[in-house]
Each structure stands twice: as structure tokens, then as C-alpha cells.
PDB file of N, CA and C in Angstrom:
ATOM      1  N   MET A   1      -8.741  -7.559  27.374  1.00  0.00           N
ATOM      2  CA  MET A   1      -9.091  -6.190  27.042  1.00  0.00           C
ATOM      3  C   MET A   1      -9.099  -6.061  25.515  1.00  0.00           C
ATOM      4  N   ASN A   2     -10.057  -5.333  25.001  1.00  0.00           N
ATOM      5  CA  ASN A   2     -10.098  -5.093  23.562  1.00  0.00           C
ATOM      6  C   ASN A   2      -9.789  -3.624  23.268  1.00  0.00           C
ATOM      7  N   LEU A   3      -9.710  -3.286  21.984  1.00  0.00           N
ATOM      8  CA  LEU A   3      -9.351  -1.921  21.584  1.00  0.00           C
ATOM      9  C   LEU A   3     -10.346  -0.896  22.113  1.00  0.00           C
ATOM     10  N   HIS A   4     -11.625  -1.209  22.068  1.00  0.00           N
ATOM     11  CA  HIS A   4     -12.644  -0.265  22.534  1.00  0.00           C
ATOM     12  C   HIS A   4     -12.455   0.035  24.020  1.00  0.00           C
ATOM     13  N   THR A   5     -12.232  -0.996  24.819  1.00  0.00           N
ATOM     14  CA  THR A   5     -12.016  -0.806  26.251  1.00  0.00           C
ATOM     15  C   THR A   5     -10.752   0.012  26.502  1.00  0.00           C
ATOM     16  N   ALA A   6      -9.702  -0.289  25.751  1.00  0.00           N
ATOM     17  CA  ALA A   6      -8.451   0.461  25.901  1.00  0.00           C
ATOM     18  C   ALA A   6      -8.660   1.943  25.586  1.00  0.00           C
ATOM     19  N   MET A   7      -9.405   2.240  24.531  1.00  0.00           N
ATOM     20  CA  MET A   7      -9.649   3.641  24.171  1.00  0.00           C
ATOM     21  C   MET A   7     -10.476   4.340  25.251  1.00  0.00           C
ATOM     22  N   LEU A   8     -11.437   3.640  25.810  1.00  0.00           N
ATOM     23  CA  LEU A   8     -12.227   4.246  26.892  1.00  0.00           C
ATOM     24  C   LEU A   8     -11.343   4.569  28.090  1.00  0.00           C
ATOM     25  N   LEU A   9     -10.379   3.704  28.394  1.00  0.00           N
ATOM     26  CA  LEU A   9      -9.445   3.972  29.496  1.00  0.00           C
ATOM     27  C   LEU A   9      -8.552   5.170  29.192  1.00  0.00           C
ATOM     28  N   VAL A  10      -8.085   5.266  27.960  1.00  0.00           N
ATOM     29  CA  VAL A  10      -7.262   6.409  27.563  1.00  0.00           C
ATOM     30  C   VAL A  10      -8.065   7.703  27.688  1.00  0.00           C
ATOM     31  N   LEU A  11      -9.295   7.693  27.207  1.00  0.00           N
ATOM     32  CA  LEU A  11     -10.139   8.890  27.288  1.00  0.00           C
ATOM     33  C   LEU A  11     -10.442   9.252  28.744  1.00  0.00           C
ATOM     34  N   ALA A  12     -10.651   8.245  29.578  1.00  0.00           N
ATOM     35  CA  ALA A  12     -10.885   8.510  31.008  1.00  0.00           C
ATOM     36  C   ALA A  12      -9.648   9.147  31.637  1.00  0.00           C
ATOM     37  N   ALA A  13      -8.471   8.686  31.235  1.00  0.00           N
ATOM     38  CA  ALA A  13      -7.225   9.273  31.759  1.00  0.00           C
ATOM     39  C   ALA A  13      -7.107  10.734  31.338  1.00  0.00           C
ATOM     40  N   PHE A  14      -7.492  11.038  30.090  1.00  0.00           N
ATOM     41  CA  PHE A  14      -7.479  12.436  29.643  1.00  0.00           C
ATOM     42  C   PHE A  14      -8.396  13.287  30.510  1.00  0.00           C
ATOM     43  N   ARG A  15      -9.568  12.753  30.814  1.00  0.00           N
ATOM     44  CA  ARG A  15     -10.520  13.524  31.630  1.00  0.00           C
ATOM     45  C   ARG A  15      -9.997  13.725  33.049  1.00  0.00           C
ATOM     46  N   MET A  16      -9.251  12.739  33.572  1.00  0.00           N
ATOM     47  CA  MET A  16      -8.711  12.853  34.925  1.00  0.00           C
ATOM     48  C   MET A  16      -7.625  13.917  35.001  1.00  0.00           C
ATOM     49  N   MET A  17      -7.021  14.252  33.890  1.00  0.00           N
ATOM     50  CA  MET A  17      -5.969  15.263  33.869  1.00  0.00           C
ATOM     51  C   MET A  17      -6.541  16.668  33.684  1.00  0.00           C
ATOM     52  N   LYS A  18      -7.807  16.834  34.011  1.00  0.00           N
ATOM     53  CA  LYS A  18      -8.449  18.122  33.753  1.00  0.00           C
ATOM     54  C   LYS A  18      -7.828  19.271  34.536  1.00  0.00           C
ATOM     55  N   ASP A  19      -7.105  18.956  35.617  1.00  0.00           N
ATOM     56  CA  ASP A  19      -6.443  20.013  36.372  1.00  0.00           C
ATOM     57  C   ASP A  19      -5.199  20.530  35.661  1.00  0.00           C
ATOM     58  N   GLU A  20      -4.680  19.713  34.752  1.00  0.00           N
ATOM     59  CA  GLU A  20      -3.523  20.115  33.965  1.00  0.00           C
ATOM     60  C   GLU A  20      -4.002  20.950  32.780  1.00  0.00           C
ATOM     61  N   PRO A  21      -3.244  21.975  32.416  1.00  0.00           N
ATOM     62  CA  PRO A  21      -3.661  22.744  31.243  1.00  0.00           C
ATOM     63  C   PRO A  21      -3.521  21.889  29.981  1.00  0.00           C
ATOM     64  N   MET A  22      -4.625  21.708  29.279  1.00  0.00           N
ATOM     65  CA  MET A  22      -4.621  20.911  28.056  1.00  0.00           C
ATOM     66  C   MET A  22      -5.384  21.648  26.971  1.00  0.00           C
ATOM     67  N   ASP A  23      -4.797  21.661  25.799  1.00  0.00           N
ATOM     68  CA  ASP A  23      -5.581  22.102  24.666  1.00  0.00           C
ATOM     69  C   ASP A  23      -6.042  20.820  23.976  1.00  0.00           C
ATOM     70  N   ASN A  24      -6.778  20.932  22.941  1.00  0.00           N
ATOM     71  CA  ASN A  24      -7.302  19.750  22.269  1.00  0.00           C
ATOM     72  C   ASN A  24      -6.417  19.319  21.109  1.00  0.00           C
ATOM     73  N   VAL A  25      -5.099  19.350  21.337  1.00  0.00           N
ATOM     74  CA  VAL A  25      -4.154  18.931  20.313  1.00  0.00           C
ATOM     75  C   VAL A  25      -3.347  17.762  20.854  1.00  0.00           C
ATOM     76  N   LEU A  26      -3.320  16.674  20.090  1.00  0.00           N
ATOM     77  CA  LEU A  26      -2.502  15.515  20.441  1.00  0.00           C
ATOM     78  C   LEU A  26      -1.359  15.400  19.455  1.00  0.00           C
ATOM     79  N   GLU A  27      -0.285  14.783  19.904  1.00  0.00           N
ATOM     80  CA  GLU A  27       0.862  14.568  19.035  1.00  0.00           C
ATOM     81  C   GLU A  27       1.092  13.072  18.880  1.00  0.00           C
ATOM     82  N   CYS A  28       1.249  12.637  17.663  1.00  0.00           N
ATOM     83  CA  CYS A  28       1.559  11.246  17.351  1.00  0.00           C
ATOM     84  C   CYS A  28       3.015  11.197  16.912  1.00  0.00           C
ATOM     85  N   ARG A  29       3.823  10.422  17.638  1.00  0.00           N
ATOM     86  CA  ARG A  29       5.247  10.319  17.319  1.00  0.00           C
ATOM     87  C   ARG A  29       5.522   8.972  16.661  1.00  0.00           C
ATOM     88  N   TYR A  30       6.336   9.008  15.620  1.00  0.00           N
ATOM     89  CA  TYR A  30       6.672   7.811  14.872  1.00  0.00           C
ATOM     90  C   TYR A  30       8.106   7.415  15.167  1.00  0.00           C
ATOM     91  N   GLU A  31       8.311   6.108  15.443  1.00  0.00           N
ATOM     92  CA  GLU A  31       9.642   5.586  15.721  1.00  0.00           C
ATOM     93  C   GLU A  31       9.940   4.423  14.791  1.00  0.00           C
ATOM     94  N   HIS A  32      11.215   4.285  14.424  1.00  0.00           N
ATOM     95  CA  HIS A  32      11.652   3.128  13.650  1.00  0.00           C
ATOM     96  C   HIS A  32      11.491   1.896  14.536  1.00  0.00           C
ATOM     97  N   GLN A  33      10.892   0.830  14.007  1.00  0.00           N
ATOM     98  CA  GLN A  33      10.593  -0.338  14.831  1.00  0.00           C
ATOM     99  C   GLN A  33      11.826  -1.021  15.379  1.00  0.00           C
ATOM    100  N   GLU A  34      12.921  -1.021  14.639  1.00  0.00           N
ATOM    101  CA  GLU A  34      14.123  -1.708  15.114  1.00  0.00           C
ATOM    102  C   GLU A  34      15.024  -0.803  15.947  1.00  0.00           C
ATOM    103  N   THR A  35      15.279   0.400  15.477  1.00  0.00           N
ATOM    104  CA  THR A  35      16.231   1.280  16.164  1.00  0.00           C
ATOM    105  C   THR A  35      15.583   2.161  17.218  1.00  0.00           C
ATOM    106  N   LYS A  36      14.284   2.278  17.170  1.00  0.00           N
ATOM    107  CA  LYS A  36      13.526   3.156  18.081  1.00  0.00           C
ATOM    108  C   LYS A  36      13.870   4.629  17.873  1.00  0.00           C
ATOM    109  N   LYS A  37      14.556   4.934  16.779  1.00  0.00           N
ATOM    110  CA  LYS A  37      14.904   6.317  16.461  1.00  0.00           C
ATOM    111  C   LYS A  37      13.653   7.055  15.985  1.00  0.00           C
ATOM    112  N   SER A  38      13.521   8.285  16.416  1.00  0.00           N
ATOM    113  CA  SER A  38      12.379   9.099  16.016  1.00  0.00           C
ATOM    114  C   SER A  38      12.397   9.366  14.511  1.00  0.00           C
ATOM    115  N   ILE A  39      11.275   9.130  13.859  1.00  0.00           N
ATOM    116  CA  ILE A  39      11.141   9.372  12.424  1.00  0.00           C
ATOM    117  C   ILE A  39      10.448  10.710  12.179  1.00  0.00           C
ATOM    118  N   GLY A  40       9.546  11.059  13.068  1.00  0.00           N
ATOM    119  CA  GLY A  40       8.817  12.310  12.919  1.00  0.00           C
ATOM    120  C   GLY A  40       7.605  12.324  13.830  1.00  0.00           C
ATOM    121  N   SER A  41       6.795  13.336  13.673  1.00  0.00           N
ATOM    122  CA  SER A  41       5.580  13.439  14.481  1.00  0.00           C
ATOM    123  C   SER A  41       4.535  14.255  13.738  1.00  0.00           C
ATOM    124  N   ASP A  42       3.300  14.031  14.107  1.00  0.00           N
ATOM    125  CA  ASP A  42       2.166  14.792  13.575  1.00  0.00           C
ATOM    126  C   ASP A  42       1.333  15.276  14.744  1.00  0.00           C
ATOM    127  N   GLN A  43       0.796  16.459  14.612  1.00  0.00           N
ATOM    128  CA  GLN A  43      -0.134  16.963  15.617  1.00  0.00           C
ATOM    129  C   GLN A  43      -1.509  17.069  14.984  1.00  0.00           C
ATOM    130  N   PHE A  44      -2.519  16.765  15.771  1.00  0.00           N
ATOM    131  CA  PHE A  44      -3.881  16.865  15.266  1.00  0.00           C
ATOM    132  C   PHE A  44      -4.820  17.244  16.398  1.00  0.00           C
ATOM    133  N   GLU A  45      -5.924  17.825  16.017  1.00  0.00           N
ATOM    134  CA  GLU A  45      -6.915  18.229  17.007  1.00  0.00           C
ATOM    135  C   GLU A  45      -7.609  17.000  17.560  1.00  0.00           C
ATOM    136  N   TYR A  46      -7.718  16.951  18.858  1.00  0.00           N
ATOM    137  CA  TYR A  46      -8.325  15.833  19.556  1.00  0.00           C
ATOM    138  C   TYR A  46      -9.810  16.064  19.732  1.00  0.00           C
ATOM    139  N   SER A  47     -10.589  15.074  19.389  1.00  0.00           N
ATOM    140  CA  SER A  47     -12.021  15.113  19.613  1.00  0.00           C
ATOM    141  C   SER A  47     -12.455  13.757  20.156  1.00  0.00           C
ATOM    142  N   GLU A  48     -12.917  13.716  21.376  1.00  0.00           N
ATOM    143  CA  GLU A  48     -13.341  12.461  21.991  1.00  0.00           C
ATOM    144  C   GLU A  48     -14.430  11.788  21.153  1.00  0.00           C
ATOM    145  N   LYS A  49     -15.365  12.572  20.671  1.00  0.00           N
ATOM    146  CA  LYS A  49     -16.454  12.019  19.861  1.00  0.00           C
ATOM    147  C   LYS A  49     -15.905  11.357  18.600  1.00  0.00           C
ATOM    148  N   TRP A  50     -14.960  12.026  17.923  1.00  0.00           N
ATOM    149  CA  TRP A  50     -14.378  11.490  16.695  1.00  0.00           C
ATOM    150  C   TRP A  50     -13.625  10.189  16.970  1.00  0.00           C
ATOM    151  N   VAL A  51     -12.826  10.166  18.051  1.00  0.00           N
ATOM    152  CA  VAL A  51     -12.055   8.971  18.388  1.00  0.00           C
ATOM    153  C   VAL A  51     -12.989   7.799  18.653  1.00  0.00           C
ATOM    154  N   LEU A  52     -14.022   8.000  19.452  1.00  0.00           N
ATOM    155  CA  LEU A  52     -14.952   6.917  19.769  1.00  0.00           C
ATOM    156  C   LEU A  52     -15.700   6.439  18.524  1.00  0.00           C
ATOM    157  N   GLN A  53     -16.061   7.371  17.629  1.00  0.00           N
ATOM    158  CA  GLN A  53     -16.733   6.963  16.395  1.00  0.00           C
ATOM    159  C   GLN A  53     -15.803   6.115  15.534  1.00  0.00           C
ATOM    160  N   ASP A  54     -14.555   6.538  15.398  1.00  0.00           N
ATOM    161  CA  ASP A  54     -13.593   5.779  14.597  1.00  0.00           C
ATOM    162  C   ASP A  54     -13.357   4.393  15.191  1.00  0.00           C
ATOM    163  N   VAL A  55     -13.138   4.326  16.490  1.00  0.00           N
ATOM    164  CA  VAL A  55     -12.902   3.039  17.136  1.00  0.00           C
ATOM    165  C   VAL A  55     -14.114   2.132  16.947  1.00  0.00           C
ATOM    166  N   SER A  56     -15.300   2.657  17.124  1.00  0.00           N
ATOM    167  CA  SER A  56     -16.516   1.859  16.946  1.00  0.00           C
ATOM    168  C   SER A  56     -16.643   1.361  15.514  1.00  0.00           C
ATOM    169  N   HIS A  57     -16.307   2.221  14.551  1.00  0.00           N
ATOM    170  CA  HIS A  57     -16.376   1.839  13.137  1.00  0.00           C
ATOM    171  C   HIS A  57     -15.416   0.683  12.846  1.00  0.00           C
ATOM    172  N   PHE A  58     -14.161   0.813  13.287  1.00  0.00           N
ATOM    173  CA  PHE A  58     -13.175  -0.232  13.024  1.00  0.00           C
ATOM    174  C   PHE A  58     -13.519  -1.522  13.759  1.00  0.00           C
ATOM    175  N   LEU A  59     -14.014  -1.404  14.989  1.00  0.00           N
ATOM    176  CA  LEU A  59     -14.405  -2.595  15.733  1.00  0.00           C
ATOM    177  C   LEU A  59     -15.539  -3.339  15.036  1.00  0.00           C
ATOM    178  N   GLY A  60     -16.392  -2.602  14.336  1.00  0.00           N
ATOM    179  CA  GLY A  60     -17.479  -3.239  13.583  1.00  0.00           C
ATOM    180  C   GLY A  60     -16.954  -4.262  12.600  1.00  0.00           C
ATOM    181  N   TYR A  61     -15.868  -3.940  11.922  1.00  0.00           N
ATOM    182  CA  TYR A  61     -15.264  -4.881  10.986  1.00  0.00           C
ATOM    183  C   TYR A  61     -14.616  -6.049  11.737  1.00  0.00           C
ATOM    184  N   TRP A  62     -13.796  -5.730  12.731  1.00  0.00           N
ATOM    185  CA  TRP A  62     -13.043  -6.778  13.419  1.00  0.00           C
ATOM    186  C   TRP A  62     -13.940  -7.726  14.197  1.00  0.00           C
ATOM    187  N   THR A  63     -15.108  -7.272  14.612  1.00  0.00           N
ATOM    188  CA  THR A  63     -16.031  -8.156  15.335  1.00  0.00           C
ATOM    189  C   THR A  63     -17.026  -8.825  14.392  1.00  0.00           C
ATOM    190  N   GLY A  64     -16.967  -8.493  13.110  1.00  0.00           N
ATOM    191  CA  GLY A  64     -17.827  -9.148  12.128  1.00  0.00           C
ATOM    192  C   GLY A  64     -19.215  -8.561  11.997  1.00  0.00           C
ATOM    193  N   SER A  65     -19.443  -7.384  12.581  1.00  0.00           N
ATOM    194  CA  SER A  65     -20.784  -6.796  12.494  1.00  0.00           C
ATOM    195  C   SER A  65     -20.968  -5.889  11.273  1.00  0.00           C
ATOM    196  N   ARG A  66     -19.899  -5.691  10.484  1.00  0.00           N
ATOM    197  CA  ARG A  66     -20.040  -4.974   9.221  1.00  0.00           C
ATOM    198  C   ARG A  66     -19.085  -5.554   8.193  1.00  0.00           C
ATOM    199  N   GLU A  67     -19.409  -5.346   6.932  1.00  0.00           N
ATOM    200  CA  GLU A  67     -18.582  -5.827   5.830  1.00  0.00           C
ATOM    201  C   GLU A  67     -17.362  -4.921   5.661  1.00  0.00           C
ATOM    202  N   PRO A  68     -16.282  -5.445   5.066  1.00  0.00           N
ATOM    203  CA  PRO A  68     -15.130  -4.586   4.783  1.00  0.00           C
ATOM    204  C   PRO A  68     -15.489  -3.532   3.748  1.00  0.00           C
ATOM    205  N   GLU A  69     -14.770  -2.427   3.787  1.00  0.00           N
ATOM    206  CA  GLU A  69     -14.992  -1.344   2.831  1.00  0.00           C
ATOM    207  C   GLU A  69     -13.751  -1.204   1.962  1.00  0.00           C
ATOM    208  N   GLY A  70     -13.948  -0.791   0.736  1.00  0.00           N
ATOM    209  CA  GLY A  70     -12.809  -0.523  -0.130  1.00  0.00           C
ATOM    210  C   GLY A  70     -12.148   0.792   0.242  1.00  0.00           C
ATOM    211  N   VAL A  71     -10.934   0.977  -0.225  1.00  0.00           N
ATOM    212  CA  VAL A  71     -10.240   2.234   0.021  1.00  0.00           C
ATOM    213  C   VAL A  71     -10.737   3.284  -0.965  1.00  0.00           C
ATOM    214  N   LYS A  72     -10.512   4.531  -0.629  1.00  0.00           N
ATOM    215  CA  LYS A  72     -10.860   5.624  -1.534  1.00  0.00           C
ATOM    216  C   LYS A  72      -9.948   5.576  -2.753  1.00  0.00           C
ATOM    217  N   GLU A  73     -10.413   6.127  -3.862  1.00  0.00           N
ATOM    218  CA  GLU A  73      -9.661   6.101  -5.116  1.00  0.00           C
ATOM    219  C   GLU A  73      -8.237   6.626  -4.945  1.00  0.00           C
ATOM    220  N   ASP A  74      -8.083   7.713  -4.186  1.00  0.00           N
ATOM    221  CA  ASP A  74      -6.749   8.296  -4.024  1.00  0.00           C
ATOM    222  C   ASP A  74      -5.893   7.557  -2.992  1.00  0.00           C
ATOM    223  N   GLU A  75      -6.420   6.494  -2.382  1.00  0.00           N
ATOM    224  CA  GLU A  75      -5.664   5.692  -1.438  1.00  0.00           C
ATOM    225  C   GLU A  75      -5.410   4.285  -1.974  1.00  0.00           C
ATOM    226  N   GLY A  76      -5.519   4.133  -3.295  1.00  0.00           N
ATOM    227  CA  GLY A  76      -5.325   2.838  -3.923  1.00  0.00           C
ATOM    228  C   GLY A  76      -3.947   2.241  -3.700  1.00  0.00           C
ATOM    229  N   TRP A  77      -2.964   3.073  -3.403  1.00  0.00           N
ATOM    230  CA  TRP A  77      -1.606   2.581  -3.126  1.00  0.00           C
ATOM    231  C   TRP A  77      -1.603   1.581  -1.975  1.00  0.00           C
ATOM    232  N   LYS A  78      -2.570   1.713  -1.055  1.00  0.00           N
ATOM    233  CA  LYS A  78      -2.635   0.796   0.078  1.00  0.00           C
ATOM    234  C   LYS A  78      -2.863  -0.640  -0.384  1.00  0.00           C
ATOM    235  N   CYS A  79      -3.573  -0.782  -1.500  1.00  0.00           N
ATOM    236  CA  CYS A  79      -3.872  -2.122  -2.009  1.00  0.00           C
ATOM    237  C   CYS A  79      -2.609  -2.857  -2.434  1.00  0.00           C
ATOM    238  N   ARG A  80      -1.607  -2.123  -2.863  1.00  0.00           N
ATOM    239  CA  ARG A  80      -0.356  -2.768  -3.283  1.00  0.00           C
ATOM    240  C   ARG A  80       0.341  -3.469  -2.112  1.00  0.00           C
ATOM    241  N   LEU A  81       0.057  -3.036  -0.900  1.00  0.00           N
ATOM    242  CA  LEU A  81       0.680  -3.607   0.291  1.00  0.00           C
ATOM    243  C   LEU A  81      -0.152  -4.729   0.916  1.00  0.00           C
ATOM    244  N   CYS A  82      -1.350  -4.919   0.416  1.00  0.00           N
ATOM    245  CA  CYS A  82      -2.300  -5.846   1.039  1.00  0.00           C
ATOM    246  C   CYS A  82      -2.152  -7.263   0.485  1.00  0.00           C
ATOM    247  N   CYS A  83      -2.154  -8.237   1.384  1.00  0.00           N
ATOM    248  CA  CYS A  83      -1.999  -9.627   0.946  1.00  0.00           C
ATOM    249  C   CYS A  83      -3.288 -10.187   0.338  1.00  0.00           C
ATOM    250  N   TYR A  84      -4.383  -9.446   0.378  1.00  0.00           N
ATOM    251  CA  TYR A  84      -5.645  -9.899  -0.210  1.00  0.00           C
ATOM    252  C   TYR A  84      -5.930  -9.238  -1.559  1.00  0.00           C
ATOM    253  N   LYS A  85      -4.973  -8.488  -2.082  1.00  0.00           N
ATOM    254  CA  LYS A  85      -5.212  -7.700  -3.289  1.00  0.00           C
ATOM    255  C   LYS A  85      -5.654  -8.531  -4.489  1.00  0.00           C
ATOM    256  N   ASN A  86      -5.230  -9.772  -4.584  1.00  0.00           N
ATOM    257  CA  ASN A  86      -5.575 -10.588  -5.741  1.00  0.00           C
ATOM    258  C   ASN A  86      -6.998 -11.129  -5.700  1.00  0.00           C
ATOM    259  N   ILE A  87      -7.611 -11.138  -4.540  1.00  0.00           N
ATOM    260  CA  ILE A  87      -8.974 -11.657  -4.436  1.00  0.00           C
ATOM    261  C   ILE A  87      -9.989 -10.594  -4.020  1.00  0.00           C
ATOM    262  N   CYS A  88      -9.504  -9.388  -3.743  1.00  0.00           N
ATOM    263  CA  CYS A  88     -10.388  -8.317  -3.256  1.00  0.00           C
ATOM    264  C   CYS A  88     -11.260  -7.762  -4.373  1.00  0.00           C
ATOM    265  N   LYS A  89     -12.542  -7.709  -4.117  1.00  0.00           N
ATOM    266  CA  LYS A  89     -13.490  -7.166  -5.099  1.00  0.00           C
ATOM    267  C   LYS A  89     -13.637  -5.649  -4.972  1.00  0.00           C
ATOM    268  N   LYS A  90     -13.038  -5.067  -3.948  1.00  0.00           N
ATOM    269  CA  LYS A  90     -13.197  -3.636  -3.694  1.00  0.00           C
ATOM    270  C   LYS A  90     -11.964  -2.811  -4.041  1.00  0.00           C
ATOM    271  N   SER A  91     -10.881  -3.466  -4.419  1.00  0.00           N
ATOM    272  CA  SER A  91      -9.645  -2.755  -4.722  1.00  0.00           C
ATOM    273  C   SER A  91      -9.796  -1.900  -5.975  1.00  0.00           C
ATOM    274  N   PRO A  92      -9.412  -0.621  -5.913  1.00  0.00           N
ATOM    275  CA  PRO A  92      -9.515   0.233  -7.101  1.00  0.00           C
ATOM    276  C   PRO A  92      -8.391   0.001  -8.107  1.00  0.00           C
ATOM    277  N   ILE A  93      -7.360  -0.748  -7.728  1.00  0.00           N
ATOM    278  CA  ILE A  93      -6.232  -0.914  -8.658  1.00  0.00           C
ATOM    279  C   ILE A  93      -6.072  -2.320  -9.201  1.00  0.00           C
ATOM    280  N   VAL A  94      -6.659  -3.300  -8.556  1.00  0.00           N
ATOM    281  CA  VAL A  94      -6.501  -4.674  -9.014  1.00  0.00           C
ATOM    282  C   VAL A  94      -7.876  -5.319  -9.144  1.00  0.00           C
ATOM    283  N   ALA A  95      -8.201  -5.759 -10.337  1.00  0.00           N
ATOM    284  CA  ALA A  95      -9.464  -6.473 -10.533  1.00  0.00           C
ATOM    285  C   ALA A  95      -9.358  -7.837  -9.887  1.00  0.00           C
ATOM    286  N   PRO A  96     -10.478  -8.421  -9.402  1.00  0.00           N
ATOM    287  CA  PRO A  96     -10.434  -9.672  -8.667  1.00  0.00           C
ATOM    288  C   PRO A  96      -9.767 -10.827  -9.404  1.00  0.00           C
ATOM    289  N   ASN A  97      -9.833 -10.888 -10.730  1.00  0.00           N
ATOM    290  CA  ASN A  97      -9.288 -12.032 -11.461  1.00  0.00           C
ATOM    291  C   ASN A  97      -7.925 -11.771 -12.079  1.00  0.00           C
ATOM    292  N   LYS A  98      -7.316 -10.625 -11.830  1.00  0.00           N
ATOM    293  CA  LYS A  98      -6.005 -10.318 -12.397  1.00  0.00           C
ATOM    294  C   LYS A  98      -4.911 -10.902 -11.514  1.00  0.00           C
ATOM    295  N   SER A  99      -3.785 -11.206 -12.118  1.00  0.00           N
ATOM    296  CA  SER A  99      -2.670 -11.733 -11.341  1.00  0.00           C
ATOM    297  C   SER A  99      -1.952 -10.602 -10.631  1.00  0.00           C
ATOM    298  N   CYS A 100      -1.072 -10.949  -9.745  1.00  0.00           N
ATOM    299  CA  CYS A 100      -0.426 -10.001  -8.833  1.00  0.00           C
ATOM    300  C   CYS A 100       0.270  -8.848  -9.535  1.00  0.00           C
ATOM    301  N   GLY A 101       0.950  -9.056 -10.641  1.00  0.00           N
ATOM    302  CA  GLY A 101       1.712  -7.981 -11.279  1.00  0.00           C
ATOM    303  C   GLY A 101       0.886  -7.050 -12.143  1.00  0.00           C
ATOM    304  N   GLN A 102      -0.359  -7.378 -12.420  1.00  0.00           N
ATOM    305  CA  GLN A 102      -1.174  -6.547 -13.320  1.00  0.00           C
ATOM    306  C   GLN A 102      -1.937  -5.492 -12.544  1.00  0.00           C
ATOM    307  N   VAL A 103      -2.050  -4.319 -13.160  1.00  0.00           N
ATOM    308  CA  VAL A 103      -2.827  -3.218 -12.560  1.00  0.00           C
ATOM    309  C   VAL A 103      -3.834  -2.751 -13.570  1.00  0.00           C
TER     310      VAL A 103
END
């Protein structure tokens, strides 16, 4: 099973619960990986179309049908966590030929 198939199953399960009162708000709960203690949660409006578009977009990269994209300027902090930051041509904070400690 791949991510796209899994998402289709999740969406089908949502549709099967149509007899249950549902609004279009989902909650994402965050847990500490080791302790399983709740860290927090976020609620967001659910849109089946948006979820399928996002999954399809990400699958495009993982299946090799599209090139990787750089992060947005205000999300450059993500590059500091990436193991490809020293060779990435799309990073807004690290030039491809700079060493790891330089920004």
C-alpha cells in the first residue's frame, strides 16, 4: 500500500460515517515519540479536494515524476535540519558550495 491508497481509504471511511454528525474540521494531535505524552493539537478545516491535491503533489516527488522544490523564504529554517543542505541548489540559507556552518 502506498500513501495515495492509504489517503483514499481514509477519505472513504470519512464518507462512510455520513450518518454521524460531522463538520469539516479535523484535529491533529501531537505526541512525544518516546513518552507518548500529548504535546498539543491543531484543528483545521477539512477539504477532500485539498487533501487529494496535496497527496498527489507530494507523491509526484517521491515517485520521481517531478523535481524537488525549494522551501519558501520564510521557511528557510527547515534547511538547517536537512541533511542535503550543503549540496542543495534551492536552499535560501545555504549556497551550494558553502560549508555546513556558513549561512
